[in-house]
Protein backbone atom coordinates (compact mmCIF):
# COMPACT_ATOMS: atom_id res chain seq x y z
CA UNK A 1 7.53 -3.07 -13.96
CA UNK A 2 8.74 -4.05 -10.49
CA UNK A 3 11.47 -2.33 -8.46
CA UNK A 4 12.91 -3.63 -5.20
CA UNK A 5 14.55 -1.13 -2.85
CA UNK A 6 15.65 -2.64 0.44
CA UNK A 7 12.54 -4.23 1.99
CA UNK A 8 10.21 -2.30 -0.37
CA UNK A 9 8.68 -3.79 -3.52
CA UNK A 10 7.14 -1.33 -5.99
CA UNK A 11 4.76 -2.19 -8.84
CA UNK A 12 3.94 0.08 -11.77
CA UNK A 13 0.40 -0.69 -12.92
CA UNK A 14 -3.31 -0.73 -12.11
CA UNK A 15 -4.06 -1.72 -8.52
CA UNK A 16 -7.16 -3.69 -9.56
CA UNK A 17 -5.01 -5.94 -11.71
CA UNK A 18 -1.96 -6.24 -9.44
CA UNK A 19 -3.95 -6.95 -6.28
CA UNK A 20 -5.23 -10.20 -7.82
CA UNK A 21 -1.64 -11.44 -8.30
CA UNK A 22 -0.53 -11.03 -4.68
CA UNK A 23 -0.09 -13.91 -2.28
CA UNK A 24 -3.08 -14.33 0.02
CA UNK A 25 -2.99 -13.45 3.70
CA UNK A 26 0.59 -12.15 3.97
CA UNK A 27 0.16 -8.45 4.84
CA UNK A 28 -0.34 -7.15 8.35
CA UNK A 29 -1.97 -3.93 7.19
CA UNK A 30 -3.52 -2.11 4.26
CA UNK A 31 -2.77 1.63 4.30
CA UNK A 32 -4.49 3.32 1.36
CA UNK A 33 -4.84 6.88 0.08
CA UNK A 34 -7.05 6.41 -3.00
CA UNK A 35 -8.23 9.26 -5.23
CA UNK A 36 -11.21 10.82 -3.44
CA UNK A 37 -13.23 11.74 -6.55
CA UNK A 38 -14.81 14.54 -4.51
CA UNK A 39 -13.89 17.65 -6.45
CA UNK A 40 -16.73 19.26 -8.42
CA UNK A 41 -20.50 18.88 -8.30
CA UNK A 42 -21.27 18.61 -12.02
CA UNK A 43 -20.10 16.04 -14.56
CA UNK A 44 -17.97 18.68 -16.29
CA UNK A 45 -16.28 19.66 -13.04
CA UNK A 46 -15.63 16.04 -12.04
CA UNK A 47 -13.77 15.19 -15.24
CA UNK A 48 -11.38 18.13 -14.88
CA UNK A 49 -7.76 17.28 -14.11
CA UNK A 50 -6.95 17.14 -10.38
CA UNK A 51 -4.82 20.29 -10.43
CA UNK A 52 -7.84 22.33 -11.52
CA UNK A 53 -10.03 20.82 -8.79
CA UNK A 54 -7.64 20.85 -5.85
CA UNK A 55 -5.04 23.56 -6.44
CA UNK A 56 -4.94 27.29 -6.78
CA UNK A 57 -3.85 28.62 -10.15
CA UNK A 58 -0.42 29.60 -8.80
CA UNK A 59 0.33 25.96 -7.87
CA UNK A 60 -0.80 24.27 -11.08
CA UNK A 61 1.88 22.46 -12.98
CA UNK A 62 4.10 21.87 -9.95
CA UNK A 63 3.23 18.16 -9.67
CA UNK A 64 2.15 15.41 -12.06
CA UNK A 65 -1.59 14.82 -12.44
CA UNK A 66 -2.78 11.68 -10.66
CA UNK A 67 -5.26 9.19 -12.10
CA UNK A 68 -8.70 7.87 -11.16
CA UNK A 69 -10.35 11.05 -9.86
CA UNK A 70 -13.25 11.38 -12.33
CA UNK A 71 -15.86 8.96 -10.91
CA UNK A 72 -19.28 9.96 -9.65
CA UNK A 73 -20.29 8.65 -6.23
CA UNK A 74 -22.01 5.47 -7.44
CA UNK A 75 -19.00 4.49 -9.52
CA UNK A 76 -16.66 5.40 -6.68
CA UNK A 77 -18.57 3.09 -4.34
CA UNK A 78 -18.44 0.18 -6.80
CA UNK A 79 -14.74 0.69 -7.54
CA UNK A 80 -13.88 1.08 -3.85
CA UNK A 81 -15.73 -2.10 -2.93
CA UNK A 82 -13.88 -3.98 -5.66
CA UNK A 83 -10.34 -2.93 -4.74
CA UNK A 84 -11.01 -3.22 -1.00
CA UNK A 85 -12.24 -6.78 -1.51
CA UNK A 86 -9.16 -7.73 -3.52
CA UNK A 87 -6.87 -6.09 -0.97
CA UNK A 88 -8.56 -7.95 1.89
CA UNK A 89 -7.60 -11.27 0.32
CA UNK A 90 -3.95 -10.26 0.64
CA UNK A 91 -4.23 -9.22 4.32
CA UNK A 92 -3.93 -11.79 7.10
CA UNK A 93 -6.87 -12.54 9.42
CA UNK A 94 -7.03 -9.81 12.05
CA UNK A 95 -5.01 -7.41 9.91
CA UNK A 96 -5.87 -3.72 9.70
CA UNK A 97 -7.23 -1.58 6.87
CA UNK A 98 -6.80 2.21 7.08
CA UNK A 99 -8.29 4.18 4.17
CA UNK A 100 -8.08 7.95 3.74
CA UNK A 101 -11.14 10.01 2.80
CA UNK A 102 -12.36 13.58 2.88
CA UNK A 103 -15.69 14.65 4.38
CA UNK A 104 -17.61 14.30 1.11
CA UNK A 105 -16.71 10.66 0.55
CA UNK A 106 -16.60 9.59 4.20
CA UNK A 107 -20.07 7.93 4.23
CA UNK A 108 -19.53 5.99 0.99
CA UNK A 109 -16.05 4.88 2.10
CA UNK A 110 -17.43 3.39 5.30
CA UNK A 111 -20.05 1.57 3.22
CA UNK A 112 -17.51 0.23 0.73
CA UNK A 113 -15.20 -1.02 3.50
CA UNK A 114 -18.00 -3.13 4.94
CA UNK A 115 -19.31 -4.29 1.55
CA UNK A 116 -15.80 -5.60 0.83
CA UNK A 117 -15.94 -7.81 3.93
CA UNK A 118 -13.92 -5.77 6.43
CA UNK A 119 -15.25 -5.11 9.93
CA UNK A 120 -15.55 -1.34 10.31
CA UNK A 121 -13.98 -0.34 13.63
CA UNK A 122 -13.92 3.45 13.59
CA UNK A 123 -12.56 6.67 12.14
CA UNK A 124 -9.24 8.33 12.90
CA UNK A 125 -8.69 12.00 12.08
CA UNK A 126 -5.86 13.74 10.30
CA UNK A 127 -5.82 17.25 11.77
CA UNK A 128 -4.11 19.35 9.12
CA UNK A 129 -3.65 22.19 11.65
CA UNK A 130 -4.45 25.87 11.27
CA UNK A 131 -2.14 26.04 8.26
CA UNK A 132 -5.20 25.12 6.18
CA UNK A 133 -6.70 27.88 4.10
CA UNK A 134 -9.42 29.74 6.09
CA UNK A 135 -12.98 30.19 4.83
CA UNK A 136 -14.44 33.55 5.82
CA UNK A 137 -17.67 33.10 7.75
CA UNK A 138 -17.24 29.31 7.79
CA UNK A 139 -15.33 26.56 9.58
CA UNK A 140 -11.96 25.57 8.23
CA UNK A 141 -11.79 22.33 6.24
CA UNK A 142 -9.06 21.31 8.66
CA UNK A 143 -9.52 17.54 8.80
CA UNK A 144 -9.34 14.51 6.60
CA UNK A 145 -10.31 11.08 7.82
CA UNK A 146 -9.04 7.53 8.04
CA UNK A 147 -11.75 4.87 7.89
CA UNK A 148 -10.34 1.81 9.56
CA UNK A 149 -11.35 -1.76 10.12
CA UNK A 150 -10.04 -5.29 10.46
CA UNK A 151 -10.08 -8.47 8.44
CA UNK A 152 -12.22 -10.36 10.94
CA UNK A 153 -11.63 -10.42 14.71
CA UNK A 154 -8.58 -8.70 16.16
CA UNK A 155 -7.51 -9.24 19.77
CA UNK A 156 -7.32 -6.32 22.19
CA UNK A 157 -3.57 -6.53 22.64
CA UNK A 158 -0.43 -4.63 21.71
CA UNK A 159 0.45 -0.92 21.42
CA UNK A 160 -2.00 1.94 20.99
CA UNK A 161 -2.08 4.27 17.98
CA UNK A 162 -3.35 7.87 18.13
CA UNK A 163 -6.94 8.56 17.04
CA UNK A 164 -6.03 12.09 15.98
CA UNK A 165 -2.90 12.59 13.90
CA UNK A 166 -1.89 16.25 13.90
CA UNK A 167 0.48 17.42 11.18
CA UNK A 168 0.35 20.24 8.67
CA UNK A 169 0.26 19.64 4.94
CA UNK A 170 3.90 19.45 3.81
CA UNK A 171 5.17 22.79 2.54
CA UNK A 172 7.24 20.96 -0.05
CA UNK A 173 5.33 18.13 -1.73
CA UNK A 174 6.01 15.77 -4.61
CA UNK A 175 2.33 14.94 -5.23
CA UNK A 176 -0.79 17.09 -5.43
CA UNK A 177 -2.36 15.19 -2.52
CA UNK A 178 0.85 14.23 -0.69
CA UNK A 179 0.42 13.36 3.00
CA UNK A 180 2.98 13.90 5.80
CA UNK A 181 5.21 10.92 6.54
CA UNK A 182 4.55 11.55 10.26
CA UNK A 183 0.85 10.83 9.76
CA UNK A 184 1.67 7.50 8.14
CA UNK A 185 4.05 6.67 10.98
CA UNK A 186 1.24 7.25 13.44
CA UNK A 187 -1.00 4.81 11.58
CA UNK A 188 1.77 2.22 11.62
CA UNK A 189 2.10 2.32 15.43
CA UNK A 190 -0.06 -0.82 15.70
CA UNK A 191 1.49 -2.60 12.69
CA UNK A 192 4.38 -5.05 13.01
CA UNK A 193 4.36 -6.83 9.64
CA UNK A 194 4.34 -6.14 5.89
CA UNK A 195 2.26 -3.21 4.64
CA UNK A 196 0.20 -3.05 1.41
CA UNK A 197 -0.29 0.34 -0.27
CA UNK A 198 -2.35 0.14 -3.51
CA UNK A 199 -2.18 3.88 -4.28
CA UNK A 200 1.44 4.67 -3.54
CA UNK A 201 1.71 8.20 -4.94
CA UNK A 202 5.01 9.73 -3.85
CA UNK A 203 5.45 6.94 -1.25
CA UNK A 204 4.87 8.58 2.16
CA UNK A 205 3.68 5.19 3.45
CA UNK A 206 6.78 3.52 2.02
CA UNK A 207 9.06 6.04 3.70
CA UNK A 208 7.21 5.58 7.01
CA UNK A 209 7.69 1.82 6.67
CA UNK A 210 11.40 2.33 6.03
CA UNK A 211 11.67 4.40 9.21
CA UNK A 212 9.92 1.68 11.21
CA UNK A 213 11.71 -1.27 9.61
CA UNK A 214 8.58 -2.74 7.99
CA UNK A 215 8.38 -4.54 4.66
CA UNK A 216 6.33 -2.60 2.10
CA UNK A 217 4.56 -3.21 -1.20
CA UNK A 218 3.40 -0.16 -3.14
CA UNK A 219 1.43 0.14 -6.38
CA UNK A 220 1.23 3.22 -8.62
CA UNK A 221 -0.40 3.53 -12.04
CA UNK A 222 1.10 6.85 -13.27
CA UNK A 223 4.68 6.32 -14.56
CA UNK A 224 5.86 9.82 -13.69
CA UNK A 225 4.59 9.54 -10.11
CA UNK A 226 5.99 6.00 -9.85
CA UNK A 227 9.44 7.32 -10.71
CA UNK A 228 9.15 9.97 -7.98
CA UNK A 229 8.38 7.20 -5.46
CA UNK A 230 11.33 5.12 -6.64
CA UNK A 231 13.68 8.09 -6.33
CA UNK A 232 12.43 8.97 -2.82
CA UNK A 233 12.75 5.45 -1.49
CA UNK A 234 16.17 5.07 -3.08
CA UNK A 235 17.32 8.28 -1.39
CA UNK A 236 16.36 6.92 2.04
CA UNK A 237 13.69 7.27 4.75
CA UNK A 238 14.28 10.97 5.33
CA UNK A 239 13.86 11.96 1.66
């Protein structure tokens, strides 16, 4: 299934399959928020549905379950290398990749980015602010990370994007792991062409692209979540 909403094109299906069908070298940036596969330390815990791994009991059932979050670290590395390699073929030379991760999967994500042929350039930080749940006697898990790189050389020219993106987790979300649109807008500060998003979710990247007037291609494998993204983008950039 394909939906076109303004300058956005949305695909319902598996990113590994759809990425191979895209025209080569047309996107200016890859912005990706893949499943982290970081919840749970045992096999039984890893295969639990995301709502049991990442939500308190009072919040369960509020959002659809997302897919692809049951891999162990070796499988996650292999899968990440595969989709990152296929996505790189669709990004122009010098284009940017920005991939979200949490602290557990940060090392393997930096490895997979390089194994897929990208040049690793650094790590940006999403500061989720003090609204994050405290841990008594410990540091807050207040940050998630954006591993970023380029498809070959990239000239030192153009605008500057922030290295720390500070925004609280949205109080009203449409996805278990929904990110603030403002964070995505910050990542797009150095992007001036079409954006590829293989794990669209509820489309915060798509909405940020709409606000900035950028063409967008999003992919989502879960039909219920795909429909949420379609509805949000249809409603407009402030949805």
